[in-house]
Amino acid sequence: MAASGQFGGMCGRARLSSDVSEIKLVFSIPPQRPTPNFAPTWNLAPTDPLPIVRFDPRAGERSLDVMRWGLVPYWAKDIKIGYSTFNAKAEGIETRPTFREAFARRRCLVPLDGFYEWKKLGAGKQPYTIAPASGGLMALAGLWERWRSPDGEIVRSFTIVTTAANGLLAPLHDRMPVVLDPPNWPLWLAEAPATPRDLHALLVPCPDSWLVMWPVDRRVGNVKNNDPSLAEPIALAG
């Protein structure tokens, strides 16, 4: 599911099997905040719901909210724009109409256990899963928006910010999602003052040592398949 241009597509399939209570602990969501219902999934795709972490300035604390993957700008006439906005290219993000308001005011963290990417081969494509080297959860840089449909329905949606690939992912793709280190979470979430330059300094490839990857079954290519075996390593022929 690749996009190009301003959307900088690459991260279009992911997994989040961690329990919501664990997500709240890892991301310091106060216990009194609502705990959303979210079933483990090993094959997330754009338009699927996913819990994201945002800062609630009125309450002065973090919140875990389920939103639709694929950002729908507040000015959009149709929700279908979300099919092409599941990623946002970091370069020039503050000037692009689709993302500039969210970049300035509505930044979030996207918790995942891992994501998938495909390597082009002579006889098709081989999927790989990419995960934190330390295990557990990773936090991707995201943006979120609130959109009102012509019928008055409120839809909250998000996108994942991408940057140039690091050395580990370069053999698979020239882009990768921005993985944020915990000490930088407050800055990205606007819990602390930040200039556009401060924010852009975060939108860089993470060190190779932060991630590991391994080949997985091609069944992951079909969104109808969704079970733990999708993330298990396989042996490649030859």
Protein backbone atom coordinates (compact mmCIF):
# COMPACT_ATOMS: atom_id res chain seq x y z
CA MET A 1 0.00 0.00 0.00
CA ALA A 2 2.36 2.67 -1.17
CA ALA A 3 1.63 6.32 -1.64
CA SER A 4 3.89 9.00 -3.00
CA GLY A 5 4.54 12.73 -2.98
CA GLN A 6 3.33 14.62 0.08
CA PHE A 7 1.99 11.46 1.72
CA GLY A 8 5.36 9.63 1.78
CA GLY A 9 3.70 6.22 2.03
CA MET A 10 5.36 3.11 3.33
CA CYS A 11 3.87 2.17 6.68
CA GLY A 12 0.55 0.74 5.58
CA ARG A 13 0.25 -2.45 7.61
CA ALA A 14 0.96 -2.96 11.31
CA ARG A 15 0.19 -4.97 14.43
CA LEU A 16 -0.86 -4.14 17.98
CA SER A 17 -1.44 -7.17 20.16
CA SER A 18 -0.47 -5.61 23.50
CA ASP A 19 -3.22 -5.30 26.09
CA VAL A 20 -4.74 -1.83 26.41
CA SER A 21 -3.88 -1.74 30.11
CA GLU A 22 -0.22 -2.29 29.21
CA ILE A 23 -0.39 0.53 26.67
CA LYS A 24 -1.72 2.85 29.38
CA LEU A 25 1.18 1.94 31.68
CA VAL A 26 3.89 2.29 29.04
CA PHE A 27 2.60 5.68 27.89
CA SER A 28 1.80 7.04 31.36
CA ILE A 29 -1.94 7.36 30.80
CA PRO A 30 -3.51 8.18 34.20
CA PRO A 31 -5.60 5.29 35.60
CA GLN A 32 -8.72 7.45 35.79
CA ARG A 33 -8.70 8.10 32.04
CA PRO A 34 -11.12 5.89 30.07
CA THR A 35 -9.73 2.58 28.86
CA PRO A 36 -10.97 1.99 25.31
CA ASN A 37 -12.09 -1.41 24.09
CA PHE A 38 -9.61 -2.66 21.53
CA ALA A 39 -9.06 -6.25 20.47
CA PRO A 40 -5.50 -7.41 19.67
CA THR A 41 -4.74 -7.32 15.96
CA TRP A 42 -1.86 -8.65 13.88
CA ASN A 43 -2.90 -7.08 10.59
CA LEU A 44 -3.89 -3.44 10.91
CA ALA A 45 -4.60 -1.57 7.68
CA PRO A 46 -5.64 1.99 6.78
CA THR A 47 -9.24 2.86 7.80
CA ASP A 48 -8.98 0.44 10.76
CA PRO A 49 -9.46 1.83 14.29
CA LEU A 50 -6.41 2.11 16.52
CA PRO A 51 -5.78 3.60 19.99
CA ILE A 52 -3.49 6.64 19.86
CA VAL A 53 -1.92 8.70 22.64
CA ARG A 54 -2.59 12.44 22.77
CA PHE A 55 -2.22 15.19 25.34
CA ASP A 56 -5.46 16.63 26.72
CA PRO A 57 -4.56 20.26 27.53
CA ARG A 58 -7.80 20.90 29.43
CA ALA A 59 -7.14 18.04 31.85
CA GLY A 60 -3.36 18.44 31.71
CA GLU A 61 -2.82 14.72 31.13
CA ARG A 62 -2.43 12.09 28.43
CA SER A 63 -5.37 10.29 26.91
CA LEU A 64 -5.76 7.04 24.97
CA ASP A 65 -8.36 7.41 22.22
CA VAL A 66 -9.40 5.10 19.41
CA MET A 67 -9.22 6.81 16.01
CA ARG A 68 -9.48 5.87 12.35
CA TRP A 69 -6.21 5.29 10.48
CA GLY A 70 -6.06 7.73 7.56
CA LEU A 71 -6.22 11.42 8.40
CA VAL A 72 -9.32 13.31 7.29
CA PRO A 73 -8.67 17.09 7.45
CA TYR A 74 -11.38 19.20 9.08
CA TRP A 75 -12.04 20.91 5.73
CA ALA A 76 -12.42 17.71 3.68
CA LYS A 77 -15.67 17.22 1.77
CA ASP A 78 -15.40 13.44 1.79
CA ILE A 79 -14.01 10.90 4.23
CA LYS A 80 -12.46 9.02 1.31
CA ILE A 81 -9.42 11.29 1.43
CA GLY A 82 -8.31 9.11 4.35
CA TYR A 83 -7.49 6.26 1.96
CA SER A 84 -4.43 8.21 0.75
CA THR A 85 -3.42 10.00 3.97
CA PHE A 86 -2.41 7.09 6.21
CA ASN A 87 1.16 8.45 6.06
CA ALA A 88 2.52 12.02 6.11
CA LYS A 89 5.93 12.83 4.69
CA ALA A 90 8.02 14.68 7.30
CA GLU A 91 9.71 16.91 4.77
CA GLY A 92 7.60 20.06 4.38
CA ILE A 93 4.83 18.74 6.63
CA GLU A 94 4.28 22.17 8.22
CA THR A 95 3.28 23.75 4.87
CA ARG A 96 1.02 21.09 3.35
CA PRO A 97 -2.70 21.90 3.63
CA THR A 98 -3.62 18.33 4.58
CA PHE A 99 -1.29 18.21 7.57
CA ARG A 100 -0.17 21.69 8.63
CA GLU A 101 -2.96 22.37 11.15
CA ALA A 102 -2.54 18.96 12.77
CA PHE A 103 1.24 19.36 12.84
CA ALA A 104 0.88 22.66 14.67
CA ARG A 105 -1.88 21.67 17.10
CA ARG A 106 -2.72 17.96 17.12
CA ARG A 107 0.30 15.71 17.36
CA CYS A 108 0.04 12.21 18.82
CA LEU A 109 1.89 8.96 19.46
CA VAL A 110 0.87 5.79 17.65
CA PRO A 111 1.64 2.72 19.79
CA LEU A 112 2.50 -0.45 17.87
CA ASP A 113 4.17 -3.79 18.49
CA GLY A 114 5.51 -3.66 14.97
CA PHE A 115 4.79 -2.91 11.33
CA TYR A 116 5.21 -4.74 8.04
CA GLU A 117 7.09 -3.91 4.89
CA TRP A 118 7.60 -5.81 1.65
CA LYS A 119 10.87 -6.51 -0.16
CA LYS A 120 10.64 -6.71 -3.94
CA LEU A 121 11.87 -10.00 -5.35
CA GLY A 122 12.05 -11.45 -8.83
CA ALA A 123 9.00 -13.60 -8.13
CA GLY A 124 6.91 -11.13 -6.19
CA LYS A 125 7.34 -9.56 -2.76
CA GLN A 126 8.46 -10.96 0.59
CA PRO A 127 6.90 -9.40 3.71
CA TYR A 128 8.95 -8.61 6.80
CA THR A 129 7.86 -7.50 10.22
CA ILE A 130 9.83 -4.73 11.94
CA ALA A 131 9.70 -4.52 15.73
CA PRO A 132 11.52 -2.91 18.67
CA ALA A 133 14.81 -4.68 19.40
CA SER A 134 13.95 -4.53 23.10
CA GLY A 135 10.53 -6.10 22.57
CA GLY A 136 7.26 -4.54 23.68
CA LEU A 137 5.80 -1.35 22.25
CA MET A 138 7.17 1.40 20.03
CA ALA A 139 5.83 4.93 19.61
CA LEU A 140 5.47 6.33 16.11
CA ALA A 141 5.04 10.04 15.46
CA GLY A 142 1.48 10.79 14.41
CA LEU A 143 -0.98 13.60 13.73
CA TRP A 144 -4.69 13.54 14.43
CA GLU A 145 -7.76 15.44 13.26
CA ARG A 146 -11.45 15.86 13.99
CA TRP A 147 -13.83 15.91 11.00
CA ARG A 148 -17.58 16.46 10.83
CA SER A 149 -19.44 14.66 8.07
CA PRO A 150 -22.28 16.35 6.13
CA ASP A 151 -24.65 14.33 8.33
CA GLY A 152 -23.07 15.70 11.50
CA GLU A 153 -21.07 12.59 12.47
CA ILE A 154 -17.75 13.33 14.20
CA VAL A 155 -14.83 11.23 12.96
CA ARG A 156 -11.43 11.38 14.63
CA SER A 157 -8.58 10.12 12.49
CA PHE A 158 -4.78 9.99 12.43
CA THR A 159 -1.75 9.58 10.19
CA ILE A 160 1.77 8.22 10.75
CA VAL A 161 4.71 10.50 9.92
CA THR A 162 7.44 9.01 7.72
CA THR A 163 11.07 9.91 7.09
CA ALA A 164 14.00 8.50 5.10
CA ALA A 165 14.79 4.86 5.82
CA ASN A 166 17.65 3.94 8.13
CA GLY A 167 20.27 1.35 7.21
CA LEU A 168 18.19 -1.57 8.47
CA LEU A 169 15.10 -0.77 6.41
CA ALA A 170 16.80 0.62 3.31
CA PRO A 171 16.91 -2.79 1.57
CA LEU A 172 13.11 -2.91 1.85
CA HIS A 173 11.99 0.67 1.20
CA ASP A 174 13.36 4.22 0.99
CA ARG A 175 10.96 5.44 3.72
CA MET A 176 10.18 4.43 7.31
CA PRO A 177 7.90 5.68 10.09
CA VAL A 178 9.36 8.09 12.63
CA VAL A 179 10.07 6.14 15.84
CA LEU A 180 10.22 8.45 18.86
CA ASP A 181 12.38 7.88 21.93
CA PRO A 182 10.46 8.19 25.26
CA PRO A 183 12.38 11.32 26.39
CA ASN A 184 11.02 13.08 23.28
CA TRP A 185 7.39 12.12 23.80
CA PRO A 186 6.50 15.25 25.85
CA LEU A 187 7.88 17.56 23.15
CA TRP A 188 5.94 15.82 20.38
CA LEU A 189 2.75 15.75 22.44
CA ALA A 190 2.99 19.51 23.15
CA GLU A 191 3.40 18.94 26.87
CA ALA A 192 6.38 21.25 26.57
CA PRO A 193 6.91 24.31 24.31
CA ALA A 194 8.47 23.50 20.94
CA THR A 195 9.35 25.40 17.80
CA PRO A 196 8.91 23.90 14.31
CA ARG A 197 12.69 23.45 14.26
CA ASP A 198 12.54 21.49 17.54
CA LEU A 199 9.86 19.24 16.11
CA HIS A 200 11.63 18.65 12.82
CA ALA A 201 14.72 17.59 14.74
CA LEU A 202 12.68 14.60 15.95
CA LEU A 203 11.55 13.56 12.47
CA VAL A 204 14.65 11.61 11.53
CA PRO A 205 15.45 7.92 11.00
CA CYS A 206 15.93 6.08 14.27
CA PRO A 207 19.22 4.22 14.89
CA ASP A 208 19.41 0.78 13.29
CA SER A 209 19.96 -0.76 16.73
CA TRP A 210 16.48 0.23 17.89
CA LEU A 211 14.76 -2.23 15.56
CA VAL A 212 14.91 -5.82 14.38
CA MET A 213 13.20 -7.44 11.41
CA TRP A 214 12.45 -10.92 10.12
CA PRO A 215 10.58 -12.48 7.19
CA VAL A 216 6.97 -13.55 7.73
CA ASP A 217 4.33 -15.50 5.83
CA ARG A 218 2.82 -13.88 2.73
CA ARG A 219 -0.61 -14.42 4.28
CA VAL A 220 -0.16 -11.01 5.88
CA GLY A 221 -0.81 -9.49 2.47
CA ASN A 222 -4.51 -10.29 2.82
CA VAL A 223 -6.21 -8.11 5.44
CA LYS A 224 -8.75 -10.88 6.07
CA ASN A 225 -5.97 -12.89 7.74
CA ASN A 226 -5.48 -11.79 11.33
CA ASP A 227 -3.84 -14.12 13.84
CA PRO A 228 -0.57 -14.34 15.84
CA SER A 229 1.11 -16.58 13.26
CA LEU A 230 1.37 -13.62 10.87
CA ALA A 231 4.19 -12.18 12.98
CA GLU A 232 6.10 -15.44 13.41
CA PRO A 233 9.43 -15.76 11.56
CA ILE A 234 9.69 -18.08 8.59
CA ALA A 235 12.68 -19.65 6.85
CA LEU A 236 13.33 -18.29 3.36
CA ALA A 237 14.05 -20.82 0.62
CA GLY A 238 17.52 -20.72 -0.86
